[in-house]
Amino acid sequence: MNPTEFNQSKHCDHFSCPERSVSPAVYILLYVCSAAVVLLTVCGNLLIIISVFHFKQLHTPTNMLVLSLAVSDFLVGIFLMPVILIWTIESCWIFGRVFCLIYWLINGILIISSYNIGQIAVDRYFALSNPFLYMNIVSVRITRVVIVLNWFLVLGYTTAVLYFNGNFKSSVLCPGECFLFLNEAWTVIDVVFTFIFPLSVIIILYTQVFLIVKKHVTAIREHTDHRRSKVQKITSHSMKSERKAAKVLGILVSVFLVCLLPYFIYSLLINVIELQLETFWKVVIMFYLNSTINPFIYALFYPWFRRCIKLIITLHIFQTDSALINVLS
């Protein structure tokens, strides 16, 4: 979440929402483009949610984590993205004090996305470094319990941030504005909890994942030099699959970091220098766009997701025993 702190000495008595400086055509175009982005975010992540929920073949520990990430991205598209886009276009908060508090509460809960990425990193590292132990210990049920505990942890943390910083009493700074305030101690806590810790886990473990994959690929390549052509074909396919998996993980993490870093850099700098409100809107929108991009990453690199989309769009999922369809072959 890393809420942004603004100067409370503003003169609210003289504040008013600025008049629109764009033509009606541009104004309408902005809303049309915003609606398209929101629709892509909601529909893309909804397809992932339906796919993992419906098809039993996809009920794996890793896909449960993917489902959790898709749910958080879906909530961004439903609750947060429309609000920040309207706020940006209107240059004014028009939703009132109560919804301002709800907005920051939901925004705080959705730092779960960084923890979801971190959990996927832990899952992949464990699966590659100790595959037999992973198969014996990690199950769908255990993963679901971990995910639920993770969501409750973040909910409790977000509520504590709002409560101990007085935001339940006053969440709107001036009419037409909606900002969240943190004292210095909570600013440090927030940066560590929402940024430094999950980011460290992601970078360290994904580095280890790539090193393990590289080691596996090298071993497979050396092994195929002494095998028959048929076996070589099979092992070459396995090597290709591992490289592809590593590539998808790398792209997912890279996109996440590119979208995330500007937001947290801005949040840190806001306490040092005064930055413009337009900058705040831009970095928040960029942060939320990660939720739009994620489904396209799955659609681009995972054939099973493309098959699921086809089955969902053609309404095959309403047929008898459609949950048992093989979508991985």
Protein backbone atom coordinates (compact mmCIF):
# COMPACT_ATOMS: atom_id res chain seq x y z
CA MET A 1 0.00 0.00 0.00
CA ASN A 2 2.66 2.48 1.07
CA PRO A 3 0.17 5.38 1.47
CA THR A 4 1.26 8.82 0.43
CA GLU A 5 1.61 11.66 2.93
CA PHE A 6 0.76 15.19 1.84
CA ASN A 7 1.20 18.54 3.48
CA GLN A 8 -1.72 19.09 5.83
CA SER A 9 -1.23 22.84 5.91
CA LYS A 10 -3.14 23.31 2.65
CA HIS A 11 -5.82 25.94 2.75
CA CYS A 12 -8.99 23.90 2.39
CA ASP A 13 -11.17 27.00 2.50
CA HIS A 14 -9.80 28.10 -0.85
CA PHE A 15 -9.81 24.69 -2.49
CA SER A 16 -12.14 23.89 -5.34
CA CYS A 17 -12.08 21.33 -8.10
CA PRO A 18 -10.52 22.83 -11.24
CA GLU A 19 -12.62 23.28 -14.33
CA ARG A 20 -11.95 20.89 -17.19
CA SER A 21 -9.39 22.27 -19.61
CA VAL A 22 -9.98 19.67 -22.35
CA SER A 23 -12.53 19.63 -25.12
CA PRO A 24 -15.67 17.49 -24.79
CA ALA A 25 -14.36 15.11 -27.46
CA VAL A 26 -11.10 14.51 -25.57
CA TYR A 27 -13.04 14.19 -22.33
CA ILE A 28 -15.26 11.48 -23.79
CA LEU A 29 -12.26 9.73 -25.36
CA LEU A 30 -10.52 9.60 -21.98
CA TYR A 31 -13.54 7.90 -20.43
CA VAL A 32 -13.85 5.44 -23.33
CA CYS A 33 -10.16 4.48 -23.04
CA SER A 34 -10.48 4.18 -19.26
CA ALA A 35 -13.52 1.94 -19.62
CA ALA A 36 -11.62 -0.25 -22.10
CA VAL A 37 -8.68 -0.66 -19.71
CA VAL A 38 -11.00 -1.52 -16.82
CA LEU A 39 -12.89 -4.02 -18.98
CA LEU A 40 -9.65 -5.72 -20.07
CA THR A 41 -8.48 -5.97 -16.47
CA VAL A 42 -11.75 -7.37 -15.14
CA CYS A 43 -12.43 -9.80 -18.00
CA GLY A 44 -8.84 -11.04 -18.28
CA ASN A 45 -8.55 -11.88 -14.60
CA LEU A 46 -12.09 -13.25 -14.47
CA LEU A 47 -11.09 -15.74 -17.19
CA ILE A 48 -8.17 -16.91 -15.04
CA ILE A 49 -10.42 -17.23 -11.98
CA ILE A 50 -13.05 -19.26 -13.87
CA SER A 51 -10.38 -21.45 -15.48
CA VAL A 52 -8.67 -22.42 -12.24
CA PHE A 53 -11.94 -22.82 -10.36
CA HIS A 54 -13.72 -24.88 -13.00
CA PHE A 55 -11.17 -27.27 -14.50
CA LYS A 56 -10.10 -29.88 -11.96
CA GLN A 57 -6.87 -30.52 -13.82
CA LEU A 58 -5.77 -27.02 -12.85
CA HIS A 59 -6.31 -27.59 -9.12
CA THR A 60 -2.63 -27.57 -8.20
CA PRO A 61 -0.80 -25.68 -5.41
CA THR A 62 0.90 -23.36 -7.91
CA ASN A 63 -2.38 -22.56 -9.67
CA MET A 64 -4.00 -21.77 -6.31
CA LEU A 65 -1.40 -19.04 -5.93
CA VAL A 66 -2.09 -17.89 -9.49
CA LEU A 67 -5.79 -17.80 -8.56
CA SER A 68 -5.06 -15.63 -5.52
CA LEU A 69 -3.07 -13.23 -7.70
CA ALA A 70 -5.90 -13.13 -10.26
CA VAL A 71 -8.45 -12.37 -7.52
CA SER A 72 -6.37 -9.44 -6.26
CA ASP A 73 -5.94 -8.18 -9.84
CA PHE A 74 -9.68 -8.60 -10.44
CA LEU A 75 -10.45 -6.49 -7.35
CA VAL A 76 -8.07 -3.82 -8.64
CA GLY A 77 -10.06 -3.71 -11.88
CA ILE A 78 -13.43 -3.60 -10.11
CA PHE A 79 -12.79 -1.22 -7.20
CA LEU A 80 -9.55 0.71 -7.61
CA MET A 81 -8.84 1.29 -11.29
CA PRO A 82 -12.17 3.00 -12.12
CA VAL A 83 -11.80 5.28 -9.10
CA ILE A 84 -8.23 6.41 -9.85
CA LEU A 85 -9.03 6.93 -13.56
CA ILE A 86 -12.09 9.07 -12.77
CA TRP A 87 -10.10 10.96 -10.13
CA THR A 88 -7.40 11.65 -12.71
CA ILE A 89 -9.78 12.74 -15.47
CA GLU A 90 -11.84 14.97 -13.18
CA SER A 91 -8.77 16.23 -11.24
CA CYS A 92 -10.99 16.01 -8.20
CA TRP A 93 -12.20 13.42 -5.67
CA ILE A 94 -15.96 13.19 -6.21
CA PHE A 95 -16.81 10.08 -4.16
CA GLY A 96 -17.01 11.53 -0.64
CA ARG A 97 -15.26 10.87 2.67
CA VAL A 98 -16.62 7.37 3.40
CA PHE A 99 -15.64 5.94 0.04
CA CYS A 100 -12.24 7.61 0.41
CA LEU A 101 -11.64 5.47 3.49
CA ILE A 102 -12.96 2.38 1.69
CA TYR A 103 -10.68 3.12 -1.26
CA TRP A 104 -7.55 3.20 0.92
CA LEU A 105 -8.67 0.11 2.83
CA ILE A 106 -9.06 -1.88 -0.40
CA ASN A 107 -5.87 -0.39 -1.80
CA GLY A 108 -4.05 -1.54 1.32
CA ILE A 109 -5.46 -5.05 1.16
CA LEU A 110 -4.27 -5.39 -2.40
CA ILE A 111 -0.62 -5.21 -1.42
CA ILE A 112 -1.47 -8.91 -1.34
CA SER A 113 -0.34 -8.96 -4.98
CA SER A 114 3.30 -8.51 -3.98
CA TYR A 115 2.92 -11.30 -1.42
CA ASN A 116 1.25 -13.51 -4.03
CA ILE A 117 4.23 -13.05 -6.34
CA GLY A 118 6.51 -13.79 -3.40
CA GLN A 119 4.58 -16.96 -2.56
CA ILE A 120 4.83 -18.12 -6.17
CA ALA A 121 8.59 -17.58 -5.91
CA VAL A 122 8.72 -19.70 -2.75
CA ASP A 123 6.58 -22.38 -4.39
CA ARG A 124 8.73 -22.60 -7.54
CA TYR A 125 11.97 -22.57 -5.59
CA PHE A 126 10.80 -25.34 -3.28
CA ALA A 127 9.46 -27.40 -6.21
CA LEU A 128 12.74 -27.16 -8.13
CA SER A 129 15.19 -27.49 -5.25
CA ASN A 130 13.36 -30.32 -3.38
CA PRO A 131 10.88 -31.87 -5.83
CA PHE A 132 10.24 -35.08 -3.84
CA LEU A 133 9.76 -33.24 -0.55
CA TYR A 134 7.55 -30.71 -2.32
CA MET A 135 5.27 -33.45 -3.68
CA ASN A 136 4.96 -35.06 -0.23
CA ILE A 137 4.35 -31.89 1.80
CA VAL A 138 2.71 -29.26 -0.40
CA SER A 139 -0.93 -29.89 -1.28
CA VAL A 140 -3.81 -27.84 -2.61
CA ARG A 141 -5.44 -27.80 0.83
CA ILE A 142 -2.29 -26.52 2.57
CA THR A 143 -1.81 -23.89 -0.10
CA ARG A 144 -5.38 -22.67 0.33
CA VAL A 145 -4.87 -22.34 4.09
CA VAL A 146 -1.67 -20.33 3.53
CA ILE A 147 -3.46 -18.06 1.06
CA VAL A 148 -6.35 -17.39 3.45
CA LEU A 149 -3.95 -16.63 6.31
CA ASN A 150 -2.04 -14.33 3.98
CA TRP A 151 -5.18 -12.35 3.12
CA PHE A 152 -6.19 -12.03 6.78
CA LEU A 153 -2.67 -10.90 7.70
CA VAL A 154 -2.76 -8.13 5.11
CA LEU A 155 -6.29 -7.13 6.13
CA GLY A 156 -5.21 -6.86 9.76
CA TYR A 157 -2.13 -4.85 8.84
CA THR A 158 -4.11 -2.43 6.65
CA THR A 159 -6.71 -1.89 9.36
CA ALA A 160 -3.93 -1.19 11.87
CA VAL A 161 -2.33 1.35 9.52
CA LEU A 162 -5.61 3.24 9.11
CA TYR A 163 -6.52 3.08 12.80
CA PHE A 164 -3.21 4.04 14.42
CA ASN A 165 -2.68 6.93 12.03
CA GLY A 166 -6.10 8.43 12.72
CA ASN A 167 -7.46 7.88 9.24
CA PHE A 168 -10.73 6.42 10.55
CA LYS A 169 -11.42 9.83 12.05
CA SER A 170 -10.31 11.97 9.12
CA SER A 171 -9.52 10.46 5.75
CA VAL A 172 -10.25 13.41 3.45
CA LEU A 173 -7.82 16.30 3.69
CA CYS A 174 -9.86 18.88 1.82
CA PRO A 175 -13.12 18.78 -0.14
CA GLY A 176 -12.30 17.19 -3.47
CA GLU A 177 -9.20 15.41 -2.15
CA CYS A 178 -8.57 11.95 -0.72
CA PHE A 179 -5.18 11.18 0.83
CA LEU A 180 -3.92 8.89 3.53
CA PHE A 181 -1.54 10.07 6.25
CA LEU A 182 1.22 8.14 7.98
CA ASN A 183 3.50 9.27 10.78
CA GLU A 184 7.24 8.70 10.43
CA ALA A 185 7.30 5.39 12.33
CA TRP A 186 4.49 3.88 10.31
CA THR A 187 6.07 5.13 7.08
CA VAL A 188 9.17 3.03 7.84
CA ILE A 189 7.06 0.02 8.89
CA ASP A 190 4.95 0.32 5.76
CA VAL A 191 7.94 0.47 3.41
CA VAL A 192 9.47 -2.63 5.02
CA PHE A 193 6.23 -4.65 5.16
CA THR A 194 4.81 -3.77 1.74
CA PHE A 195 7.94 -3.26 -0.32
CA ILE A 196 11.37 -4.25 1.03
CA PHE A 197 10.43 -7.65 2.49
CA PRO A 198 8.34 -9.05 -0.42
CA LEU A 199 10.69 -7.53 -2.99
CA SER A 200 13.72 -9.14 -1.32
CA VAL A 201 11.99 -12.53 -1.28
CA ILE A 202 11.02 -12.19 -4.94
CA ILE A 203 14.47 -11.18 -6.17
CA ILE A 204 16.44 -13.69 -4.08
CA LEU A 205 14.23 -16.70 -4.79
CA TYR A 206 13.70 -16.02 -8.48
CA THR A 207 17.45 -15.66 -8.89
CA GLN A 208 17.79 -19.08 -7.30
CA VAL A 209 15.04 -20.44 -9.57
CA PHE A 210 16.87 -19.28 -12.69
CA LEU A 211 20.14 -20.74 -11.45
CA ILE A 212 18.47 -24.11 -10.76
CA VAL A 213 16.78 -24.12 -14.16
CA LYS A 214 20.04 -23.28 -15.86
CA LYS A 215 21.74 -26.13 -14.00
CA HIS A 216 18.98 -28.53 -15.03
CA VAL A 217 19.16 -27.47 -18.66
CA THR A 218 22.93 -27.95 -18.72
CA ALA A 219 22.61 -31.41 -17.16
CA ILE A 220 19.93 -32.44 -19.67
CA ARG A 221 22.04 -31.19 -22.59
CA GLU A 222 25.05 -33.18 -21.42
CA HIS A 223 22.90 -36.25 -20.88
CA THR A 224 21.43 -36.16 -24.38
CA ASP A 225 24.89 -36.33 -25.94
CA HIS A 226 25.09 -40.00 -24.93
CA ARG A 227 21.54 -41.12 -25.67
CA ARG A 228 19.62 -42.27 -28.71
CA SER A 229 17.78 -39.82 -30.94
CA LYS A 230 14.35 -40.75 -29.52
CA VAL A 231 15.43 -40.10 -25.97
CA GLN A 232 17.21 -36.98 -27.10
CA LYS A 233 13.95 -35.70 -28.56
CA ILE A 234 12.14 -36.28 -25.26
CA THR A 235 14.83 -34.63 -23.14
CA SER A 236 15.08 -31.72 -25.57
CA HIS A 237 11.35 -31.17 -25.08
CA SER A 238 11.83 -31.19 -21.29
CA MET A 239 14.68 -28.73 -21.59
CA LYS A 240 12.54 -26.46 -23.74
CA SER A 241 9.71 -26.63 -21.19
CA GLU A 242 12.02 -25.63 -18.32
CA ARG A 243 13.41 -22.71 -20.29
CA LYS A 244 9.88 -21.61 -21.14
CA ALA A 245 8.79 -21.82 -17.50
CA ALA A 246 11.78 -19.75 -16.42
CA LYS A 247 11.03 -17.20 -19.13
CA VAL A 248 7.41 -16.81 -18.02
CA LEU A 249 8.45 -16.38 -14.39
CA GLY A 250 11.04 -13.80 -15.38
CA ILE A 251 8.56 -11.79 -17.44
CA LEU A 252 5.92 -11.92 -14.70
CA VAL A 253 8.36 -10.65 -12.09
CA SER A 254 9.95 -8.06 -14.40
CA VAL A 255 6.58 -6.54 -15.33
CA PHE A 256 5.60 -6.49 -11.66
CA LEU A 257 8.79 -4.67 -10.65
CA VAL A 258 8.55 -2.15 -13.51
CA CYS A 259 4.98 -1.28 -12.50
CA LEU A 260 5.71 -1.30 -8.76
CA LEU A 261 8.99 0.61 -8.42
CA PRO A 262 7.80 4.09 -9.53
CA TYR A 263 4.99 3.96 -6.98
CA PHE A 264 7.26 3.19 -4.04
CA ILE A 265 9.99 5.58 -5.16
CA TYR A 266 7.37 8.31 -5.30
CA SER A 267 6.03 7.36 -1.87
CA LEU A 268 9.51 7.63 -0.38
CA LEU A 269 10.32 10.93 -2.08
CA ILE A 270 7.04 12.58 -1.06
CA ASN A 271 8.44 12.96 2.47
CA VAL A 272 11.60 14.64 1.16
CA ILE A 273 10.44 16.90 -1.65
CA GLU A 274 7.06 18.19 -2.73
CA LEU A 275 5.84 16.37 -5.82
CA GLN A 276 2.90 17.17 -8.06
CA LEU A 277 -0.50 15.50 -7.74
CA GLU A 278 -0.34 14.56 -11.43
CA THR A 279 2.75 12.48 -10.65
CA PHE A 280 0.84 10.65 -7.92
CA TRP A 281 -1.92 9.73 -10.37
CA LYS A 282 0.54 8.51 -12.98
CA VAL A 283 2.49 6.20 -10.66
CA VAL A 284 -0.68 4.76 -9.11
CA ILE A 285 -2.19 4.06 -12.54
CA MET A 286 1.06 2.41 -13.62
CA PHE A 287 0.95 0.27 -10.47
CA TYR A 288 -2.62 -0.83 -11.23
CA LEU A 289 -1.81 -1.57 -14.89
CA ASN A 290 0.18 -4.57 -13.69
CA SER A 291 -3.21 -6.16 -13.01
CA THR A 292 -4.17 -5.57 -16.65
CA ILE A 293 -0.96 -7.03 -18.06
CA ASN A 294 -0.80 -10.27 -16.03
CA PRO A 295 -3.60 -12.12 -17.91
CA PHE A 296 -1.91 -11.32 -21.23
CA ILE A 297 1.29 -12.91 -19.94
CA TYR A 298 -0.59 -16.12 -19.15
CA ALA A 299 -2.44 -16.04 -22.49
CA LEU A 300 0.81 -15.47 -24.40
CA PHE A 301 2.88 -18.22 -22.80
CA TYR A 302 0.46 -20.80 -21.36
CA PRO A 303 -1.43 -22.95 -23.91
CA TRP A 304 -3.71 -24.26 -21.16
CA PHE A 305 -5.02 -20.76 -20.51
CA ARG A 306 -5.79 -20.23 -24.20
CA ARG A 307 -7.67 -23.55 -24.29
CA CYS A 308 -9.64 -22.52 -21.21
CA ILE A 309 -10.55 -19.18 -22.78
CA LYS A 310 -11.87 -20.98 -25.87
CA LEU A 311 -13.94 -23.38 -23.76
CA ILE A 312 -15.34 -20.54 -21.64
CA ILE A 313 -16.20 -18.27 -24.57
CA THR A 314 -17.87 -21.11 -26.51
CA LEU A 315 -19.83 -22.03 -23.34
CA HIS A 316 -18.45 -25.57 -23.27
CA ILE A 317 -18.00 -25.21 -19.51
CA PHE A 318 -21.77 -25.60 -19.10
CA GLN A 319 -21.69 -29.07 -20.59
CA THR A 320 -21.82 -32.17 -18.39
CA ASP A 321 -18.44 -33.18 -16.94
CA SER A 322 -16.75 -30.18 -18.59
CA ALA A 323 -14.67 -29.76 -15.41
CA LEU A 324 -12.88 -33.00 -16.32
CA ILE A 325 -11.76 -31.80 -19.77
CA ASN A 326 -8.03 -32.20 -20.34
CA VAL A 327 -6.75 -28.66 -20.87
CA LEU A 328 -3.06 -29.41 -20.38
CA SER A 329 -2.47 -31.65 -23.38
